[in-house]
C-alpha atoms as a PDB file:
ATOM      1  CA  MET A   1      -8.444 -22.693  -6.896  1.00  0.00           C
ATOM      2  CA  LYS A   2      -5.269 -22.573  -8.953  1.00  0.00           C
ATOM      3  CA  VAL A   3      -4.020 -19.083  -9.844  1.00  0.00           C
ATOM      4  CA  PRO A   4      -2.391 -18.833 -13.297  1.00  0.00           C
ATOM      5  CA  SER A   5       1.390 -18.630 -12.928  1.00  0.00           C
ATOM      6  CA  SER A   6       1.418 -15.813 -15.507  1.00  0.00           C
ATOM      7  CA  LEU A   7       0.148 -13.504 -12.746  1.00  0.00           C
ATOM      8  CA  TYR A   8       3.551 -13.889 -11.103  1.00  0.00           C
ATOM      9  CA  ALA A   9       5.613 -13.181 -14.231  1.00  0.00           C
ATOM     10  CA  ASN A  10       6.556  -9.602 -13.286  1.00  0.00           C
ATOM     11  CA  ILE A  11       6.678  -9.991  -9.501  1.00  0.00           C
ATOM     12  CA  PRO A  12      10.155  -9.863  -7.931  1.00  0.00           C
ATOM     13  CA  ALA A  13      11.387 -13.256  -6.730  1.00  0.00           C
ATOM     14  CA  MET A  14      11.534 -12.173  -3.086  1.00  0.00           C
ATOM     15  CA  ALA A  15       7.781 -11.528  -3.100  1.00  0.00           C
ATOM     16  CA  HIS A  16       6.851 -14.669  -5.037  1.00  0.00           C
ATOM     17  CA  PRO A  17       4.880 -17.041  -2.775  1.00  0.00           C
ATOM     18  CA  GLU A  18       6.881 -20.050  -3.914  1.00  0.00           C
ATOM     19  CA  SER A  19      10.144 -18.361  -2.867  1.00  0.00           C
ATOM     20  CA  GLY A  20       9.343 -19.126   0.771  1.00  0.00           C
ATOM     21  CA  SER A  21       9.567 -15.489   1.847  1.00  0.00           C
ATOM     22  CA  ILE A  22       5.931 -15.275   2.898  1.00  0.00           C
ATOM     23  CA  GLY A  23       5.354 -18.681   4.481  1.00  0.00           C
ATOM     24  CA  PRO A  24       2.029 -20.115   5.590  1.00  0.00           C
ATOM     25  CA  VAL A  25      -0.503 -17.767   7.139  1.00  0.00           C
ATOM     26  CA  GLY A  26      -0.154 -19.481  10.503  1.00  0.00           C
ATOM     27  CA  ASP A  27       3.557 -18.623  10.650  1.00  0.00           C
ATOM     28  CA  ALA A  28       3.568 -15.431  12.727  1.00  0.00           C
ATOM     29  CA  SER A  29       7.307 -14.986  12.340  1.00  0.00           C
ATOM     30  CA  ALA A  30       6.963 -14.861   8.541  1.00  0.00           C
ATOM     31  CA  ALA A  31       4.191 -12.258   8.825  1.00  0.00           C
ATOM     32  CA  ALA A  32       6.299 -10.190  11.228  1.00  0.00           C
ATOM     33  CA  GLY A  33       9.173 -10.198   8.742  1.00  0.00           C
ATOM     34  CA  LEU A  34       7.212  -8.450   5.975  1.00  0.00           C
ATOM     35  CA  LYS A  35       8.550  -5.008   5.146  1.00  0.00           C
ATOM     36  CA  PRO A  36       5.893  -2.303   5.665  1.00  0.00           C
ATOM     37  CA  ARG A  37       5.027  -0.245   2.581  1.00  0.00           C
ATOM     38  CA  PRO A  38       3.882   3.383   2.400  1.00  0.00           C
ATOM     39  CA  VAL A  39       0.320   3.911   1.182  1.00  0.00           C
ATOM     40  CA  ARG A  40       1.600   6.232  -1.576  1.00  0.00           C
ATOM     41  CA  GLU A  41       3.350   3.302  -3.293  1.00  0.00           C
ATOM     42  CA  SER A  42       0.076   1.551  -4.062  1.00  0.00           C
ATOM     43  CA  THR A  43      -2.181   4.535  -4.778  1.00  0.00           C
ATOM     44  CA  SER A  44      -3.776   3.973  -8.183  1.00  0.00           C
ATOM     45  CA  GLU A  45      -5.796   5.858 -10.766  1.00  0.00           C
ATOM     46  CA  TYR A  46      -7.880   4.248 -13.487  1.00  0.00           C
ATOM     47  CA  SER A  47      -9.840   6.108 -16.158  1.00  0.00           C
ATOM     48  CA  GLU A  48     -12.355   4.978 -18.735  1.00  0.00           C
ATOM     49  CA  PHE A  49     -15.002   6.563 -20.925  1.00  0.00           C
ATOM     50  CA  ALA A  50     -18.632   5.844 -20.099  1.00  0.00           C
ATOM     51  CA  LEU A  51     -19.684   4.106 -23.327  1.00  0.00           C
ATOM     52  CA  PRO A  52     -23.152   3.532 -24.822  1.00  0.00           C
ATOM     53  CA  THR A  53     -22.801  -0.250 -24.353  1.00  0.00           C
ATOM     54  CA  ASP A  54     -22.830   0.353 -20.567  1.00  0.00           C
ATOM     55  CA  ALA A  55     -25.836   2.710 -20.530  1.00  0.00           C
ATOM     56  CA  ASN A  56     -29.182   2.269 -18.841  1.00  0.00           C
ATOM     57  CA  MET A  57     -32.367   3.419 -20.576  1.00  0.00           C
ATOM     58  CA  PHE A  58     -31.872   6.982 -19.270  1.00  0.00           C
ATOM     59  CA  GLY A  59     -28.424   7.435 -20.858  1.00  0.00           C
ATOM     60  CA  TYR A  60     -26.431   7.022 -17.656  1.00  0.00           C
ATOM     61  CA  LEU A  61     -23.740   4.496 -16.805  1.00  0.00           C
ATOM     62  CA  LEU A  62     -25.221   1.372 -15.226  1.00  0.00           C
ATOM     63  CA  GLY A  63     -24.628   1.201 -11.467  1.00  0.00           C
ATOM     64  CA  GLY A  64     -23.349  -2.344 -11.843  1.00  0.00           C
ATOM     65  CA  ARG A  65     -20.741  -1.174 -14.341  1.00  0.00           C
ATOM     66  CA  ALA A  66     -19.580   1.505 -11.881  1.00  0.00           C
ATOM     67  CA  MET A  67     -19.314  -1.185  -9.191  1.00  0.00           C
ATOM     68  CA  HIS A  68     -17.292  -3.384 -11.553  1.00  0.00           C
ATOM     69  CA  LEU A  69     -14.882  -0.528 -12.272  1.00  0.00           C
ATOM     70  CA  MET A  70     -14.540   0.136  -8.526  1.00  0.00           C
ATOM     71  CA  ASP A  71     -13.634  -3.510  -7.981  1.00  0.00           C
ATOM     72  CA  LEU A  72     -10.937  -3.289 -10.681  1.00  0.00           C
ATOM     73  CA  ALA A  73      -9.500  -0.041  -9.317  1.00  0.00           C
ATOM     74  CA  GLY A  74      -9.483  -1.413  -5.772  1.00  0.00           C
ATOM     75  CA  ALA A  75      -7.764  -4.609  -6.897  1.00  0.00           C
ATOM     76  CA  MET A  76      -5.066  -2.550  -8.647  1.00  0.00           C
ATOM     77  CA  ALA A  77      -4.136  -0.768  -5.402  1.00  0.00           C
ATOM     78  CA  ALA A  78      -4.331  -4.018  -3.402  1.00  0.00           C
ATOM     79  CA  MET A  79      -2.089  -5.911  -5.831  1.00  0.00           C
ATOM     80  CA  ARG A  80       0.395  -3.044  -5.977  1.00  0.00           C
ATOM     81  CA  HIS A  81       0.618  -3.206  -2.192  1.00  0.00           C
ATOM     82  CA  THR A  82       0.803  -6.990  -1.790  1.00  0.00           C
ATOM     83  CA  ARG A  83       2.470  -7.976  -5.077  1.00  0.00           C
ATOM     84  CA  HIS A  84       0.105 -10.961  -4.999  1.00  0.00           C
ATOM     85  CA  PRO A  85      -3.217 -11.749  -6.644  1.00  0.00           C
ATOM     86  CA  VAL A  86      -6.180 -10.636  -4.556  1.00  0.00           C
ATOM     87  CA  VAL A  87      -9.838 -11.570  -4.296  1.00  0.00           C
ATOM     88  CA  THR A  88     -12.694  -9.339  -3.218  1.00  0.00           C
ATOM     89  CA  ALA A  89     -14.065 -10.330   0.184  1.00  0.00           C
ATOM     90  CA  SER A  90     -16.609  -7.563   0.755  1.00  0.00           C
ATOM     91  CA  VAL A  91     -17.841  -4.145  -0.269  1.00  0.00           C
ATOM     92  CA  ASP A  92     -19.086  -1.693   2.323  1.00  0.00           C
ATOM     93  CA  HIS A  93     -22.029   0.632   1.877  1.00  0.00           C
ATOM     94  CA  MET A  94     -22.130   2.538  -1.411  1.00  0.00           C
ATOM     95  CA  ASN A  95     -24.229   5.555  -2.362  1.00  0.00           C
ATOM     96  CA  PHE A  96     -24.493   6.939  -5.875  1.00  0.00           C
ATOM     97  CA  LEU A  97     -24.320  10.714  -5.444  1.00  0.00           C
ATOM     98  CA  HIS A  98     -24.329  11.916  -9.046  1.00  0.00           C
ATOM     99  CA  PRO A  99     -25.148  10.161 -12.336  1.00  0.00           C
ATOM    100  CA  ILE A 100     -22.428   9.389 -14.868  1.00  0.00           C
ATOM    101  CA  HIS A 101     -23.502  10.500 -18.345  1.00  0.00           C
ATOM    102  CA  ILE A 102     -22.458   8.495 -21.374  1.00  0.00           C
ATOM    103  CA  GLY A 103     -19.428  10.117 -22.998  1.00  0.00           C
ATOM    104  CA  GLN A 104     -17.985  11.435 -19.750  1.00  0.00           C
ATOM    105  CA  LEU A 105     -14.660  10.293 -18.383  1.00  0.00           C
ATOM    106  CA  VAL A 106     -14.905   8.078 -15.299  1.00  0.00           C
ATOM    107  CA  ILE A 107     -11.902   8.476 -12.974  1.00  0.00           C
ATOM    108  CA  LEU A 108     -11.336   6.013 -10.144  1.00  0.00           C
ATOM    109  CA  LEU A 109      -8.858   6.763  -7.354  1.00  0.00           C
ATOM    110  CA  SER A 110      -7.882   3.942  -5.005  1.00  0.00           C
ATOM    111  CA  SER A 111      -5.516   3.378  -2.103  1.00  0.00           C
ATOM    112  CA  VAL A 112      -4.942   0.860   0.667  1.00  0.00           C
ATOM    113  CA  ASN A 113      -6.354   2.314   3.885  1.00  0.00           C
ATOM    114  CA  ARG A 114      -5.216  -0.378   6.315  1.00  0.00           C
ATOM    115  CA  VAL A 115      -3.918  -3.947   6.413  1.00  0.00           C
ATOM    116  CA  PHE A 116      -5.280  -6.712   8.666  1.00  0.00           C
ATOM    117  CA  ARG A 117      -2.864  -9.680   8.373  1.00  0.00           C
ATOM    118  CA  THR A 118      -4.146 -11.350   5.143  1.00  0.00           C
ATOM    119  CA  SER A 119      -6.781  -8.784   4.207  1.00  0.00           C
ATOM    120  CA  MET A 120      -6.783  -5.073   3.550  1.00  0.00           C
ATOM    121  CA  GLU A 121      -9.314  -2.302   3.180  1.00  0.00           C
ATOM    122  CA  VAL A 122      -9.049  -0.271  -0.010  1.00  0.00           C
ATOM    123  CA  GLY A 123     -10.891   3.005  -0.474  1.00  0.00           C
ATOM    124  CA  VAL A 124     -12.154   3.816  -3.964  1.00  0.00           C
ATOM    125  CA  LYS A 125     -13.460   7.236  -4.979  1.00  0.00           C
ATOM    126  CA  VAL A 126     -15.183   7.723  -8.334  1.00  0.00           C
ATOM    127  CA  LEU A 127     -15.152  11.068 -10.118  1.00  0.00           C
ATOM    128  CA  VAL A 128     -16.651  11.989 -13.443  1.00  0.00           C
ATOM    129  CA  GLU A 129     -15.050  14.593 -15.677  1.00  0.00           C
ATOM    130  CA  ASP A 130     -16.687  16.550 -18.436  1.00  0.00           C
ATOM    131  CA  LEU A 131     -13.805  16.773 -20.908  1.00  0.00           C
ATOM    132  CA  MET A 132     -15.278  19.844 -22.636  1.00  0.00           C
ATOM    133  CA  THR A 133     -15.349  21.926 -19.443  1.00  0.00           C
ATOM    134  CA  GLY A 134     -12.859  20.134 -17.197  1.00  0.00           C
ATOM    135  CA  GLN A 135     -15.433  20.042 -14.403  1.00  0.00           C
ATOM    136  CA  ARG A 136     -15.076  17.063 -12.057  1.00  0.00           C
ATOM    137  CA  VAL A 137     -17.834  15.755  -9.805  1.00  0.00           C
ATOM    138  CA  HIS A 138     -17.658  13.102  -7.073  1.00  0.00           C
ATOM    139  CA  THR A 139     -20.133  10.366  -8.051  1.00  0.00           C
ATOM    140  CA  CYS A 140     -19.621   7.611  -5.465  1.00  0.00           C
ATOM    141  CA  SER A 141     -17.191   6.007  -3.016  1.00  0.00           C
ATOM    142  CA  ALA A 142     -16.870   2.648  -1.312  1.00  0.00           C
ATOM    143  CA  TYR A 143     -14.558   0.612   0.872  1.00  0.00           C
ATOM    144  CA  LEU A 144     -13.634  -2.824  -0.432  1.00  0.00           C
ATOM    145  CA  THR A 145     -11.915  -5.593   1.490  1.00  0.00           C
ATOM    146  CA  PHE A 146      -9.464  -7.732  -0.459  1.00  0.00           C
ATOM    147  CA  VAL A 147      -7.645 -10.905   0.577  1.00  0.00           C
ATOM    148  CA  ALA A 148      -4.193 -11.705  -0.823  1.00  0.00           C
ATOM    149  CA  ILE A 149      -3.696 -15.248  -2.121  1.00  0.00           C
ATOM    150  CA  ASP A 150      -0.861 -17.406  -3.405  1.00  0.00           C
ATOM    151  CA  ALA A 151      -0.735 -19.514  -6.577  1.00  0.00           C
ATOM    152  CA  GLU A 152      -2.833 -22.256  -4.940  1.00  0.00           C
ATOM    153  CA  GLY A 153      -5.482 -19.843  -3.687  1.00  0.00           C
ATOM    154  CA  ASN A 154      -4.325 -19.866  -0.054  1.00  0.00           C
ATOM    155  CA  ARG A 155      -4.328 -16.679   2.000  1.00  0.00           C
ATOM    156  CA  VAL A 156      -0.955 -14.982   2.431  1.00  0.00           C
ATOM    157  CA  ALA A 157       0.194 -12.390   4.935  1.00  0.00           C
ATOM    158  CA  VAL A 158       0.120  -8.800   3.704  1.00  0.00           C
ATOM    159  CA  PRO A 159       2.838  -6.223   4.427  1.00  0.00           C
ATOM    160  CA  PRO A 160       1.611  -3.496   6.803  1.00  0.00           C
ATOM    161  CA  ALA A 161       0.592  -0.181   5.234  1.00  0.00           C
ATOM    162  CA  ILE A 162       2.305   2.975   6.469  1.00  0.00           C
ATOM    163  CA  PRO A 163       0.042   6.043   6.434  1.00  0.00           C
ATOM    164  CA  GLU A 164       2.128   9.214   6.081  1.00  0.00           C
ATOM    165  CA  SER A 165      -0.168  12.167   5.382  1.00  0.00           C
ATOM    166  CA  GLU A 166      -2.862  13.379   7.767  1.00  0.00           C
ATOM    167  CA  GLU A 167      -5.503  12.153   5.286  1.00  0.00           C
ATOM    168  CA  GLU A 168      -3.917   8.675   5.154  1.00  0.00           C
ATOM    169  CA  LYS A 169      -3.724   8.559   8.963  1.00  0.00           C
ATOM    170  CA  ARG A 170      -7.411   9.505   9.227  1.00  0.00           C
ATOM    171  CA  ARG A 171      -8.378   6.796   6.722  1.00  0.00           C
ATOM    172  CA  TYR A 172      -6.182   4.293   8.609  1.00  0.00           C
ATOM    173  CA  GLU A 173      -7.987   4.965  11.905  1.00  0.00           C
ATOM    174  CA  GLU A 174     -11.440   4.929  10.304  1.00  0.00           C
ATOM    175  CA  ALA A 175     -10.636   1.627   8.558  1.00  0.00           C
ATOM    176  CA  GLY A 176     -10.017   0.073  11.982  1.00  0.00           C
ATOM    177  CA  GLN A 177     -13.411   1.306  13.176  1.00  0.00           C
ATOM    178  CA  ARG A 178     -15.148  -0.052  10.079  1.00  0.00           C
ATOM    179  CA  ARG A 179     -13.459  -3.426  10.516  1.00  0.00           C
ATOM    180  CA  ALA A 180     -14.566  -3.628  14.161  1.00  0.00           C
ATOM    181  CA  TYR A 181     -18.125  -2.872  13.028  1.00  0.00           C
ATOM    182  CA  ARG A 182     -17.997  -5.535  10.264  1.00  0.00           C
ATOM    183  CA  LEU A 183     -16.719  -8.134  12.747  1.00  0.00           C
ATOM    184  CA  GLU A 184     -19.447  -7.181  15.222  1.00  0.00           C
ATOM    185  CA  LEU A 185     -22.095  -7.654  12.511  1.00  0.00           C
ATOM    186  CA  LYS A 186     -20.596 -10.992  11.508  1.00  0.00           C
ATOM    187  CA  ASN A 187     -20.631 -12.215  15.120  1.00  0.00           C
ATOM    188  CA  ARG A 188     -24.169 -10.940  15.651  1.00  0.00           C
ATOM    189  CA  GLU A 189     -25.354 -12.796  12.539  1.00  0.00           C
ATOM    190  CA  GLY A 190     -23.584 -15.957  13.627  1.00  0.00           C
ATOM    191  CA  GLY A 191     -20.943 -15.804  10.918  1.00  0.00           C
ATOM    192  CA  ASP A 192     -23.407 -17.058   8.268  1.00  0.00           C
ATOM    193  CA  ARG A 193     -22.529 -14.309   5.801  1.00  0.00           C
END
């Protein structure tokens, strides 16, 4: 898979995969040389109106559209952290807690929870806001795993994430537990996922 070079147009030269600063994934010394980045530097917010073109027959936003928006918001935080293109590797369990009515504002909050060499877990929380009242309601959340890639589609090492607040530290620890569980499931299923 060839990644369009235009994706690298605004990335500083030191982070560009062809600059040699990252090196191949197997090069542990290159991975160790990556400068850790605070979680706050990649925290992202994305907002969009729930439009009639994305409605189901009951007048609510389609669940698939909400999932698509979560993928976009998660990718924004992941790319801000890595300064590389990313691909979605997995999405953990997702529950829809509250419907999103057409005409409401959908707000997606995302941040990198933890980095695992070439992949990272990103948490995405979806809120809906009624712009007439200002009331916000939590509608769903999910954890997405993204993998950073270079221009040729090869995995690249990701700078470690530094959790600073108590909330970020909690999410960091829980991300490690979720990863251990995902790896256990993968091994139990024989890696055929």
